[in-house]
Protein backbone atom coordinates (compact mmCIF):
# COMPACT_ATOMS: atom_id res chain seq x y z
CA UNK A 1 -20.92 19.68 -18.34
CA UNK A 2 -17.49 18.50 -18.74
CA UNK A 3 -16.13 14.51 -17.70
CA UNK A 4 -13.45 15.18 -15.14
CA UNK A 5 -11.74 11.44 -14.99
CA UNK A 6 -11.19 10.20 -11.16
CA UNK A 7 -7.61 9.79 -10.14
CA UNK A 8 -7.99 6.05 -10.29
CA UNK A 9 -7.88 6.34 -14.09
CA UNK A 10 -4.62 6.84 -14.15
CA UNK A 11 -2.97 5.92 -10.71
CA UNK A 12 -0.60 3.32 -10.46
CA UNK A 13 -2.03 0.22 -8.74
CA UNK A 14 0.50 -2.37 -9.11
CA UNK A 15 2.38 -0.42 -5.71
CA UNK A 16 5.66 -0.87 -5.07
CA UNK A 17 5.72 -0.76 -0.83
CA UNK A 18 7.91 -0.55 2.02
CA UNK A 19 6.99 -1.72 5.85
CA UNK A 20 8.21 0.11 8.61
CA UNK A 21 10.72 -3.08 9.37
CA UNK A 22 12.52 -2.59 6.08
CA UNK A 23 15.60 -0.94 5.64
CA UNK A 24 17.12 1.85 3.81
CA UNK A 25 19.41 0.02 1.68
CA UNK A 26 16.14 -1.70 0.53
CA UNK A 27 14.40 1.28 0.01
CA UNK A 28 17.45 2.13 -2.47
CA UNK A 29 17.48 -0.61 -4.16
CA UNK A 30 13.54 -0.39 -5.04
CA UNK A 31 13.97 3.03 -5.99
CA UNK A 32 16.51 2.63 -8.84
CA UNK A 33 15.35 -1.15 -9.81
CA UNK A 34 11.93 0.17 -10.72
CA UNK A 35 12.63 3.70 -11.66
CA UNK A 36 10.79 5.28 -9.27
CA UNK A 37 11.09 8.13 -7.01
CA UNK A 38 8.42 7.24 -4.47
CA UNK A 39 7.83 4.80 -2.19
CA UNK A 40 4.33 4.48 0.40
CA UNK A 41 5.49 2.71 3.67
CA UNK A 42 3.11 0.00 4.75
CA UNK A 43 1.80 -1.61 7.76
CA UNK A 44 -0.29 -3.91 6.11
CA UNK A 45 -2.46 -2.29 3.73
CA UNK A 46 -2.53 1.38 5.87
CA UNK A 47 -0.33 3.85 4.72
CA UNK A 48 1.78 4.76 7.47
CA UNK A 49 4.25 7.30 5.42
CA UNK A 50 6.43 7.94 2.60
CA UNK A 51 9.82 7.72 1.33
CA UNK A 52 11.03 9.99 -1.65
CA UNK A 53 14.24 9.14 -3.21
CA UNK A 54 15.13 13.13 -2.71
CA UNK A 55 14.56 12.23 1.08
CA UNK A 56 17.39 9.30 0.68
CA UNK A 57 19.46 11.48 -1.09
CA UNK A 58 19.52 14.06 2.16
CA UNK A 59 20.88 11.74 4.75
CA UNK A 60 23.23 10.18 2.09
CA UNK A 61 25.78 10.06 -1.00
CA UNK A 62 23.31 8.09 -3.01
CA UNK A 63 23.62 10.29 -6.16
CA UNK A 64 26.95 8.75 -6.47
CA UNK A 65 26.21 5.53 -7.22
CA UNK A 66 25.04 4.81 -10.73
CA UNK A 67 21.29 4.69 -11.24
CA UNK A 68 22.27 1.74 -12.74
CA UNK A 69 23.70 0.02 -10.18
CA UNK A 70 22.09 -1.70 -7.55
CA UNK A 71 24.98 -2.10 -4.81
CA UNK A 72 24.47 0.48 -2.44
CA UNK A 73 26.90 1.65 0.46
CA UNK A 74 24.95 0.88 3.58
CA UNK A 75 27.21 2.29 6.23
CA UNK A 76 24.75 5.55 5.80
CA UNK A 77 21.60 3.41 5.66
CA UNK A 78 22.63 1.47 8.62
CA UNK A 79 22.65 4.79 11.16
CA UNK A 80 18.70 5.22 10.25
CA UNK A 81 15.54 3.42 9.92
CA UNK A 82 12.82 3.97 7.73
CA UNK A 83 10.40 5.54 10.13
CA UNK A 84 13.22 8.17 10.58
CA UNK A 85 13.36 9.33 7.03
CA UNK A 86 9.78 8.57 6.38
CA UNK A 87 7.06 11.87 5.97
CA UNK A 88 4.83 10.69 8.55
CA UNK A 89 1.56 13.31 8.32
CA UNK A 90 0.80 11.79 5.12
CA UNK A 91 -1.93 13.33 2.75
CA UNK A 92 -4.08 11.10 1.01
CA UNK A 93 -6.75 11.20 -1.88
CA UNK A 94 -9.60 8.83 -2.47
CA UNK A 95 -9.93 7.10 -6.14
CA UNK A 96 -12.83 8.76 -6.61
CA UNK A 97 -10.95 12.33 -6.59
CA UNK A 98 -10.86 14.00 -9.79
CA UNK A 99 -7.74 14.27 -11.69
CA UNK A 100 -8.26 18.15 -11.74
CA UNK A 101 -8.45 17.83 -7.37
CA UNK A 102 -5.76 15.87 -7.27
CA UNK A 103 -3.54 18.59 -10.05
CA UNK A 104 -4.53 21.10 -7.85
CA UNK A 105 -3.28 19.51 -4.89
CA UNK A 106 -0.14 18.77 -6.19
CA UNK A 107 0.19 22.03 -7.99
CA UNK A 108 -0.07 23.70 -4.44
CA UNK A 109 1.98 21.54 -1.88
CA UNK A 110 5.53 20.59 -2.18
CA UNK A 111 5.63 17.30 -2.85
CA UNK A 112 4.79 15.16 -6.00
CA UNK A 113 3.15 11.92 -5.16
CA UNK A 114 -0.04 10.95 -3.43
CA UNK A 115 -0.87 7.80 -1.77
CA UNK A 116 -4.57 7.04 -3.51
CA UNK A 117 -6.77 5.47 -0.31
CA UNK A 118 -9.98 3.60 -0.24
CA UNK A 119 -11.66 2.79 3.42
CA UNK A 120 -8.26 3.48 4.82
CA UNK A 121 -6.50 1.04 2.32
CA UNK A 122 -3.63 1.79 0.06
CA UNK A 123 -4.84 1.32 -3.55
CA UNK A 124 -2.75 3.08 -5.48
CA UNK A 125 -0.43 6.09 -5.89
CA UNK A 126 -0.36 8.60 -8.49
CA UNK A 127 2.14 11.27 -9.45
CA UNK A 128 3.10 14.09 -11.10
CA UNK A 129 4.39 12.26 -14.02
CA UNK A 130 1.13 10.48 -13.86
CA UNK A 131 -0.64 13.89 -14.58
CA UNK A 132 1.58 14.83 -17.77
CA UNK A 133 0.94 11.84 -18.94
CA UNK A 134 -2.27 12.01 -18.74
CA UNK A 135 -2.26 15.56 -20.15
CA UNK A 136 -0.11 14.50 -22.91
CA UNK A 137 -2.34 12.02 -24.01
CA UNK A 138 -4.99 14.78 -24.09
CA UNK A 139 -3.56 16.68 -26.79
């Protein structure tokens, strides 16, 4: 039988997360500083939502700011909270889920990142980029 590794082998464990009380300006800065496209929103260690960079683009002119700039025009951001913009019913996977299971979910759904949750706590995040990098290593 062929070994299919668990998602814990490719997921990002050093999670950049937001709290529900953070503002969208903070989110924008984190997206740009860390060159990421998805940020889990947590209450302690429990995930309560997911914010993507495209969520911000929908409500702002964030794409008009250069990726290297960290200053953001906060006028639009002050009109919304993270809870208003984030996706609330987040699909999650356990760290023991196989990479194949995660790939199937991401291939069929309309999102590009899955929080990895064990015993109710956020332990990682896996993205389509993680999957592509894994596949490239296999070739």
